[in-house]
Amino acid sequence: MPLTPDDEIRSREELAAFLSDLHQEYLRRGHEWENGTLDRFLEALAAWTKDSDGWYQNFGKELPADGDWTFLARALQAATVYE
């Protein structure tokens, strides 16, 4: 389930499957997560996003310039009301 530095999600379907797996992982072991509450999770998500260029550099990679940041932002926002 964890993404390695060489893994890529290449489609909306793969992203949806990854998120579903992440949800199942939370249900199984969320009590072990460093950021197991929504407020801590969102805070960590914002911090990692801001500093993600460093993560990529640590693995000899470049931050994807063509990522669809708006799609991800819309998905996160939609999850606040979508059933």
PDB file of N, CA and C in Angstrom:
ATOM      1  N   MET A   1       0.802  -1.191   0.000  1.00  0.00           N
ATOM      2  CA  MET A   1       0.000   0.000   0.000  1.00  0.00           C
ATOM      3  C   MET A   1       0.852   1.265   0.000  1.00  0.00           C
ATOM      4  N   PRO A   2       1.923   1.356   0.791  1.00  0.00           N
ATOM      5  CA  PRO A   2       2.708   2.599   0.764  1.00  0.00           C
ATOM      6  C   PRO A   2       3.306   2.839  -0.620  1.00  0.00           C
ATOM      7  N   LEU A   3       3.276   4.087  -1.030  1.00  0.00           N
ATOM      8  CA  LEU A   3       3.893   4.457  -2.302  1.00  0.00           C
ATOM      9  C   LEU A   3       5.393   4.569  -2.115  1.00  0.00           C
ATOM     10  N   THR A   4       6.141   3.967  -3.001  1.00  0.00           N
ATOM     11  CA  THR A   4       7.589   4.141  -2.987  1.00  0.00           C
ATOM     12  C   THR A   4       7.920   5.370  -3.823  1.00  0.00           C
ATOM     13  N   PRO A   5       9.131   5.897  -3.714  1.00  0.00           N
ATOM     14  CA  PRO A   5       9.491   7.056  -4.531  1.00  0.00           C
ATOM     15  C   PRO A   5       9.367   6.815  -6.031  1.00  0.00           C
ATOM     16  N   ASP A   6       9.390   5.565  -6.469  1.00  0.00           N
ATOM     17  CA  ASP A   6       9.293   5.272  -7.895  1.00  0.00           C
ATOM     18  C   ASP A   6       7.872   4.960  -8.364  1.00  0.00           C
ATOM     19  N   ASP A   7       6.924   4.838  -7.440  1.00  0.00           N
ATOM     20  CA  ASP A   7       5.537   4.564  -7.814  1.00  0.00           C
ATOM     21  C   ASP A   7       4.891   5.803  -8.416  1.00  0.00           C
ATOM     22  N   GLU A   8       3.961   5.576  -9.318  1.00  0.00           N
ATOM     23  CA  GLU A   8       3.187   6.653  -9.907  1.00  0.00           C
ATOM     24  C   GLU A   8       1.726   6.253  -9.984  1.00  0.00           C
ATOM     25  N   ILE A   9       0.859   7.211  -9.757  1.00  0.00           N
ATOM     26  CA  ILE A   9      -0.567   7.014  -9.972  1.00  0.00           C
ATOM     27  C   ILE A   9      -0.877   7.695 -11.285  1.00  0.00           C
ATOM     28  N   ARG A  10      -1.341   6.926 -12.233  1.00  0.00           N
ATOM     29  CA  ARG A  10      -1.459   7.409 -13.605  1.00  0.00           C
ATOM     30  C   ARG A  10      -2.885   7.684 -14.067  1.00  0.00           C
ATOM     31  N   SER A  11      -3.861   7.441 -13.210  1.00  0.00           N
ATOM     32  CA  SER A  11      -5.233   7.670 -13.643  1.00  0.00           C
ATOM     33  C   SER A  11      -6.108   8.016 -12.450  1.00  0.00           C
ATOM     34  N   ARG A  12      -7.258   8.550 -12.765  1.00  0.00           N
ATOM     35  CA  ARG A  12      -8.234   8.857 -11.721  1.00  0.00           C
ATOM     36  C   ARG A  12      -8.653   7.589 -10.993  1.00  0.00           C
ATOM     37  N   GLU A  13      -8.788   6.501 -11.740  1.00  0.00           N
ATOM     38  CA  GLU A  13      -9.172   5.222 -11.133  1.00  0.00           C
ATOM     39  C   GLU A  13      -8.108   4.723 -10.162  1.00  0.00           C
ATOM     40  N   GLU A  14      -6.844   4.867 -10.530  1.00  0.00           N
ATOM     41  CA  GLU A  14      -5.762   4.459  -9.625  1.00  0.00           C
ATOM     42  C   GLU A  14      -5.738   5.331  -8.377  1.00  0.00           C
ATOM     43  N   LEU A  15      -6.017   6.625  -8.534  1.00  0.00           N
ATOM     44  CA  LEU A  15      -6.081   7.505  -7.371  1.00  0.00           C
ATOM     45  C   LEU A  15      -7.228   7.099  -6.460  1.00  0.00           C
ATOM     46  N   ALA A  16      -8.393   6.815  -7.046  1.00  0.00           N
ATOM     47  CA  ALA A  16      -9.539   6.385  -6.251  1.00  0.00           C
ATOM     48  C   ALA A  16      -9.231   5.088  -5.506  1.00  0.00           C
ATOM     49  N   ALA A  17      -8.575   4.141  -6.163  1.00  0.00           N
ATOM     50  CA  ALA A  17      -8.204   2.879  -5.511  1.00  0.00           C
ATOM     51  C   ALA A  17      -7.205   3.129  -4.386  1.00  0.00           C
ATOM     52  N   PHE A  18      -6.242   4.009  -4.621  1.00  0.00           N
ATOM     53  CA  PHE A  18      -5.274   4.333  -3.571  1.00  0.00           C
ATOM     54  C   PHE A  18      -5.975   4.937  -2.361  1.00  0.00           C
ATOM     55  N   LEU A  19      -6.889   5.884  -2.603  1.00  0.00           N
ATOM     56  CA  LEU A  19      -7.607   6.513  -1.499  1.00  0.00           C
ATOM     57  C   LEU A  19      -8.473   5.514  -0.750  1.00  0.00           C
ATOM     58  N   SER A  20      -9.079   4.585  -1.474  1.00  0.00           N
ATOM     59  CA  SER A  20      -9.869   3.531  -0.832  1.00  0.00           C
ATOM     60  C   SER A  20      -8.972   2.657   0.052  1.00  0.00           C
ATOM     61  N   ASP A  21      -7.804   2.303  -0.458  1.00  0.00           N
ATOM     62  CA  ASP A  21      -6.851   1.515   0.331  1.00  0.00           C
ATOM     63  C   ASP A  21      -6.387   2.291   1.567  1.00  0.00           C
ATOM     64  N   LEU A  22      -6.157   3.595   1.398  1.00  0.00           N
ATOM     65  CA  LEU A  22      -5.738   4.425   2.516  1.00  0.00           C
ATOM     66  C   LEU A  22      -6.826   4.473   3.589  1.00  0.00           C
ATOM     67  N   HIS A  23      -8.063   4.565   3.152  1.00  0.00           N
ATOM     68  CA  HIS A  23      -9.188   4.545   4.087  1.00  0.00           C
ATOM     69  C   HIS A  23      -9.237   3.225   4.855  1.00  0.00           C
ATOM     70  N   GLN A  24      -9.089   2.116   4.135  1.00  0.00           N
ATOM     71  CA  GLN A  24      -9.092   0.811   4.800  1.00  0.00           C
ATOM     72  C   GLN A  24      -7.933   0.692   5.789  1.00  0.00           C
ATOM     73  N   GLU A  25      -6.780   1.207   5.413  1.00  0.00           N
ATOM     74  CA  GLU A  25      -5.629   1.201   6.320  1.00  0.00           C
ATOM     75  C   GLU A  25      -5.942   2.006   7.576  1.00  0.00           C
ATOM     76  N   TYR A  26      -6.606   3.136   7.407  1.00  0.00           N
ATOM     77  CA  TYR A  26      -6.997   3.940   8.569  1.00  0.00           C
ATOM     78  C   TYR A  26      -7.948   3.158   9.473  1.00  0.00           C
ATOM     79  N   LEU A  27      -8.919   2.461   8.875  1.00  0.00           N
ATOM     80  CA  LEU A  27      -9.866   1.683   9.675  1.00  0.00           C
ATOM     81  C   LEU A  27      -9.153   0.574  10.451  1.00  0.00           C
ATOM     82  N   ARG A  28      -8.128  -0.020   9.837  1.00  0.00           N
ATOM     83  CA  ARG A  28      -7.389  -1.099  10.500  1.00  0.00           C
ATOM     84  C   ARG A  28      -6.392  -0.573  11.537  1.00  0.00           C
ATOM     85  N   ARG A  29      -5.677   0.494  11.180  1.00  0.00           N
ATOM     86  CA  ARG A  29      -4.551   0.905  12.025  1.00  0.00           C
ATOM     87  C   ARG A  29      -4.465   2.413  12.262  1.00  0.00           C
ATOM     88  N   GLY A  30      -5.578   3.106  12.086  1.00  0.00           N
ATOM     89  CA  GLY A  30      -5.572   4.560  12.258  1.00  0.00           C
ATOM     90  C   GLY A  30      -5.091   4.996  13.627  1.00  0.00           C
ATOM     91  N   HIS A  31      -5.342   4.162  14.638  1.00  0.00           N
ATOM     92  CA  HIS A  31      -4.879   4.491  15.993  1.00  0.00           C
ATOM     93  C   HIS A  31      -3.353   4.532  16.091  1.00  0.00           C
ATOM     94  N   GLU A  32      -2.664   3.970  15.097  1.00  0.00           N
ATOM     95  CA  GLU A  32      -1.201   3.975  15.078  1.00  0.00           C
ATOM     96  C   GLU A  32      -0.638   5.133  14.257  1.00  0.00           C
ATOM     97  N   TRP A  33      -1.476   5.827  13.512  1.00  0.00           N
ATOM     98  CA  TRP A  33      -1.004   6.922  12.668  1.00  0.00           C
ATOM     99  C   TRP A  33      -0.489   8.064  13.531  1.00  0.00           C
ATOM    100  N   GLU A  34       0.532   8.719  13.064  1.00  0.00           N
ATOM    101  CA  GLU A  34       1.039   9.919  13.731  1.00  0.00           C
ATOM    102  C   GLU A  34      -0.033  11.008  13.731  1.00  0.00           C
ATOM    103  N   ASN A  35      -0.794  11.101  12.647  1.00  0.00           N
ATOM    104  CA  ASN A  35      -1.816  12.135  12.493  1.00  0.00           C
ATOM    105  C   ASN A  35      -3.176  11.483  12.319  1.00  0.00           C
ATOM    106  N   GLY A  36      -3.687  10.914  13.395  1.00  0.00           N
ATOM    107  CA  GLY A  36      -4.898  10.108  13.348  1.00  0.00           C
ATOM    108  C   GLY A  36      -6.202  10.870  13.484  1.00  0.00           C
ATOM    109  N   THR A  37      -6.133  12.202  13.654  1.00  0.00           N
ATOM    110  CA  THR A  37      -7.353  12.996  13.682  1.00  0.00           C
ATOM    111  C   THR A  37      -7.380  13.865  12.433  1.00  0.00           C
ATOM    112  N   LEU A  38      -8.573  14.297  12.048  1.00  0.00           N
ATOM    113  CA  LEU A  38      -8.699  15.083  10.828  1.00  0.00           C
ATOM    114  C   LEU A  38      -7.897  16.377  10.905  1.00  0.00           C
ATOM    115  N   ASP A  39      -7.946  17.065  12.041  1.00  0.00           N
ATOM    116  CA  ASP A  39      -7.208  18.318  12.123  1.00  0.00           C
ATOM    117  C   ASP A  39      -5.705  18.101  11.992  1.00  0.00           C
ATOM    118  N   ARG A  40      -5.185  17.070  12.625  1.00  0.00           N
ATOM    119  CA  ARG A  40      -3.742  16.788  12.510  1.00  0.00           C
ATOM    120  C   ARG A  40      -3.387  16.290  11.110  1.00  0.00           C
ATOM    121  N   PHE A  41      -4.265  15.494  10.520  1.00  0.00           N
ATOM    122  CA  PHE A  41      -4.033  14.991   9.165  1.00  0.00           C
ATOM    123  C   PHE A  41      -3.961  16.146   8.169  1.00  0.00           C
ATOM    124  N   LEU A  42      -4.935  17.060   8.230  1.00  0.00           N
ATOM    125  CA  LEU A  42      -4.951  18.197   7.310  1.00  0.00           C
ATOM    126  C   LEU A  42      -3.769  19.127   7.540  1.00  0.00           C
ATOM    127  N   GLU A  43      -3.396  19.323   8.797  1.00  0.00           N
ATOM    128  CA  GLU A  43      -2.221  20.144   9.098  1.00  0.00           C
ATOM    129  C   GLU A  43      -0.960  19.521   8.498  1.00  0.00           C
ATOM    130  N   ALA A  44      -0.815  18.208   8.657  1.00  0.00           N
ATOM    131  CA  ALA A  44       0.344  17.514   8.098  1.00  0.00           C
ATOM    132  C   ALA A  44       0.307  17.517   6.575  1.00  0.00           C
ATOM    133  N   LEU A  45      -0.872  17.377   5.997  1.00  0.00           N
ATOM    134  CA  LEU A  45      -1.012  17.408   4.546  1.00  0.00           C
ATOM    135  C   LEU A  45      -0.568  18.758   3.995  1.00  0.00           C
ATOM    136  N   ALA A  46      -0.989  19.826   4.645  1.00  0.00           N
ATOM    137  CA  ALA A  46      -0.585  21.167   4.210  1.00  0.00           C
ATOM    138  C   ALA A  46       0.928  21.349   4.350  1.00  0.00           C
ATOM    139  N   ALA A  47       1.485  20.910   5.471  1.00  0.00           N
ATOM    140  CA  ALA A  47       2.928  21.068   5.703  1.00  0.00           C
ATOM    141  C   ALA A  47       3.741  20.252   4.701  1.00  0.00           C
ATOM    142  N   TRP A  48       3.333  19.010   4.455  1.00  0.00           N
ATOM    143  CA  TRP A  48       4.074  18.180   3.499  1.00  0.00           C
ATOM    144  C   TRP A  48       3.974  18.747   2.100  1.00  0.00           C
ATOM    145  N   THR A  49       2.778  19.231   1.725  1.00  0.00           N
ATOM    146  CA  THR A  49       2.604  19.812   0.399  1.00  0.00           C
ATOM    147  C   THR A  49       3.543  21.006   0.224  1.00  0.00           C
ATOM    148  N   LYS A  50       3.622  21.841   1.234  1.00  0.00           N
ATOM    149  CA  LYS A  50       4.503  23.016   1.173  1.00  0.00           C
ATOM    150  C   LYS A  50       5.965  22.605   1.036  1.00  0.00           C
ATOM    151  N   ASP A  51       6.365  21.565   1.740  1.00  0.00           N
ATOM    152  CA  ASP A  51       7.766  21.141   1.770  1.00  0.00           C
ATOM    153  C   ASP A  51       8.080  19.978   0.851  1.00  0.00           C
ATOM    154  N   SER A  52       7.151  19.590  -0.004  1.00  0.00           N
ATOM    155  CA  SER A  52       7.305  18.364  -0.791  1.00  0.00           C
ATOM    156  C   SER A  52       8.484  18.394  -1.751  1.00  0.00           C
ATOM    157  N   ASP A  53       8.918  19.576  -2.162  1.00  0.00           N
ATOM    158  CA  ASP A  53      10.093  19.608  -3.042  1.00  0.00           C
ATOM    159  C   ASP A  53      11.300  18.982  -2.358  1.00  0.00           C
ATOM    160  N   GLY A  54      11.412  19.144  -1.049  1.00  0.00           N
ATOM    161  CA  GLY A  54      12.496  18.515  -0.297  1.00  0.00           C
ATOM    162  C   GLY A  54      12.399  17.001  -0.295  1.00  0.00           C
ATOM    163  N   TRP A  55      11.172  16.472  -0.177  1.00  0.00           N
ATOM    164  CA  TRP A  55      10.985  15.020  -0.224  1.00  0.00           C
ATOM    165  C   TRP A  55      11.459  14.494  -1.564  1.00  0.00           C
ATOM    166  N   TYR A  56      11.060  15.146  -2.640  1.00  0.00           N
ATOM    167  CA  TYR A  56      11.474  14.713  -3.973  1.00  0.00           C
ATOM    168  C   TYR A  56      12.996  14.792  -4.122  1.00  0.00           C
ATOM    169  N   GLN A  57      13.589  15.868  -3.655  1.00  0.00           N
ATOM    170  CA  GLN A  57      15.042  16.018  -3.744  1.00  0.00           C
ATOM    171  C   GLN A  57      15.761  14.918  -2.978  1.00  0.00           C
ATOM    172  N   ASN A  58      15.239  14.538  -1.821  1.00  0.00           N
ATOM    173  CA  ASN A  58      15.863  13.476  -1.018  1.00  0.00           C
ATOM    174  C   ASN A  58      15.936  12.152  -1.765  1.00  0.00           C
ATOM    175  N   PHE A  59      15.045  11.952  -2.728  1.00  0.00           N
ATOM    176  CA  PHE A  59      15.026  10.719  -3.500  1.00  0.00           C
ATOM    177  C   PHE A  59      15.539  10.913  -4.923  1.00  0.00           C
ATOM    178  N   GLY A  60      16.198  12.049  -5.159  1.00  0.00           N
ATOM    179  CA  GLY A  60      16.774  12.305  -6.471  1.00  0.00           C
ATOM    180  C   GLY A  60      15.740  12.500  -7.557  1.00  0.00           C
ATOM    181  N   LYS A  61      14.588  13.018  -7.192  1.00  0.00           N
ATOM    182  CA  LYS A  61      13.497  13.216  -8.136  1.00  0.00           C
ATOM    183  C   LYS A  61      13.161  14.700  -8.200  1.00  0.00           C
ATOM    184  N   GLU A  62      12.369  15.071  -9.206  1.00  0.00           N
ATOM    185  CA  GLU A  62      11.885  16.436  -9.324  1.00  0.00           C
ATOM    186  C   GLU A  62      10.400  16.478  -9.030  1.00  0.00           C
ATOM    187  N   LEU A  63       9.992  17.530  -8.340  1.00  0.00           N
ATOM    188  CA  LEU A  63       8.576  17.734  -8.077  1.00  0.00           C
ATOM    189  C   LEU A  63       7.855  17.833  -9.418  1.00  0.00           C
ATOM    190  N   PRO A  64       6.797  17.048  -9.635  1.00  0.00           N
ATOM    191  CA  PRO A  64       6.107  17.089 -10.928  1.00  0.00           C
ATOM    192  C   PRO A  64       5.552  18.483 -11.218  1.00  0.00           C
ATOM    193  N   ALA A  65       6.011  19.066 -12.284  1.00  0.00           N
ATOM    194  CA  ALA A  65       5.562  20.409 -12.659  1.00  0.00           C
ATOM    195  C   ALA A  65       4.166  20.389 -13.255  1.00  0.00           C
ATOM    196  N   ASP A  66       3.756  19.248 -13.787  1.00  0.00           N
ATOM    197  CA  ASP A  66       2.476  19.185 -14.474  1.00  0.00           C
ATOM    198  C   ASP A  66       1.392  18.481 -13.671  1.00  0.00           C
ATOM    199  N   GLY A  67       1.584  18.378 -12.357  1.00  0.00           N
ATOM    200  CA  GLY A  67       0.562  17.768 -11.527  1.00  0.00           C
ATOM    201  C   GLY A  67      -0.724  18.575 -11.572  1.00  0.00           C
ATOM    202  N   ASP A  68      -1.848  17.919 -11.437  1.00  0.00           N
ATOM    203  CA  ASP A  68      -3.125  18.627 -11.454  1.00  0.00           C
ATOM    204  C   ASP A  68      -3.505  18.989 -10.022  1.00  0.00           C
ATOM    205  N   TRP A  69      -2.927  20.049  -9.550  1.00  0.00           N
ATOM    206  CA  TRP A  69      -3.123  20.478  -8.160  1.00  0.00           C
ATOM    207  C   TRP A  69      -4.571  20.892  -7.920  1.00  0.00           C
ATOM    208  N   THR A  70      -5.207  21.467  -8.931  1.00  0.00           N
ATOM    209  CA  THR A  70      -6.593  21.903  -8.779  1.00  0.00           C
ATOM    210  C   THR A  70      -7.516  20.710  -8.589  1.00  0.00           C
ATOM    211  N   PHE A  71      -7.289  19.632  -9.325  1.00  0.00           N
ATOM    212  CA  PHE A  71      -8.115  18.435  -9.166  1.00  0.00           C
ATOM    213  C   PHE A  71      -8.023  17.917  -7.733  1.00  0.00           C
ATOM    214  N   LEU A  72      -6.819  17.831  -7.213  1.00  0.00           N
ATOM    215  CA  LEU A  72      -6.648  17.330  -5.853  1.00  0.00           C
ATOM    216  C   LEU A  72      -7.315  18.258  -4.846  1.00  0.00           C
ATOM    217  N   ALA A  73      -7.160  19.562  -5.018  1.00  0.00           N
ATOM    218  CA  ALA A  73      -7.806  20.511  -4.116  1.00  0.00           C
ATOM    219  C   ALA A  73      -9.326  20.375  -4.171  1.00  0.00           C
ATOM    220  N   ARG A  74      -9.865  20.236  -5.375  1.00  0.00           N
ATOM    221  CA  ARG A  74     -11.319  20.069  -5.514  1.00  0.00           C
ATOM    222  C   ARG A  74     -11.786  18.770  -4.858  1.00  0.00           C
ATOM    223  N   ALA A  75     -11.016  17.709  -5.020  1.00  0.00           N
ATOM    224  CA  ALA A  75     -11.384  16.421  -4.415  1.00  0.00           C
ATOM    225  C   ALA A  75     -11.406  16.530  -2.899  1.00  0.00           C
ATOM    226  N   LEU A  76     -10.408  17.183  -2.323  1.00  0.00           N
ATOM    227  CA  LEU A  76     -10.358  17.341  -0.868  1.00  0.00           C
ATOM    228  C   LEU A  76     -11.518  18.200  -0.372  1.00  0.00           C
ATOM    229  N   GLN A  77     -11.798  19.270  -1.089  1.00  0.00           N
ATOM    230  CA  GLN A  77     -12.909  20.126  -0.685  1.00  0.00           C
ATOM    231  C   GLN A  77     -14.242  19.393  -0.827  1.00  0.00           C
ATOM    232  N   ALA A  78     -14.430  18.684  -1.924  1.00  0.00           N
ATOM    233  CA  ALA A  78     -15.673  17.958  -2.154  1.00  0.00           C
ATOM    234  C   ALA A  78     -15.928  16.918  -1.068  1.00  0.00           C
ATOM    235  N   ALA A  79     -14.871  16.351  -0.538  1.00  0.00           N
ATOM    236  CA  ALA A  79     -15.021  15.322   0.492  1.00  0.00           C
ATOM    237  C   ALA A  79     -15.631  15.875   1.779  1.00  0.00           C
ATOM    238  N   THR A  80     -15.674  17.193   1.918  1.00  0.00           N
ATOM    239  CA  THR A  80     -16.306  17.770   3.114  1.00  0.00           C
ATOM    240  C   THR A  80     -17.825  17.687   3.062  1.00  0.00           C
ATOM    241  N   VAL A  81     -18.385  17.489   1.861  1.00  0.00           N
ATOM    242  CA  VAL A  81     -19.843  17.456   1.735  1.00  0.00           C
ATOM    243  C   VAL A  81     -20.380  16.263   0.944  1.00  0.00           C
ATOM    244  N   TYR A  82     -19.532  15.597   0.172  1.00  0.00           N
ATOM    245  CA  TYR A  82     -19.971  14.512  -0.703  1.00  0.00           C
ATOM    246  C   TYR A  82     -20.303  13.279   0.122  1.00  0.00           C
ATOM    247  N   GLU A  83     -21.383  12.607  -0.243  1.00  0.00           N
ATOM    248  CA  GLU A  83     -21.764  11.392   0.499  1.00  0.00           C
ATOM    249  C   GLU A  83     -21.341  10.147  -0.204  1.00  0.00           C
TER     250      GLU A  83
END
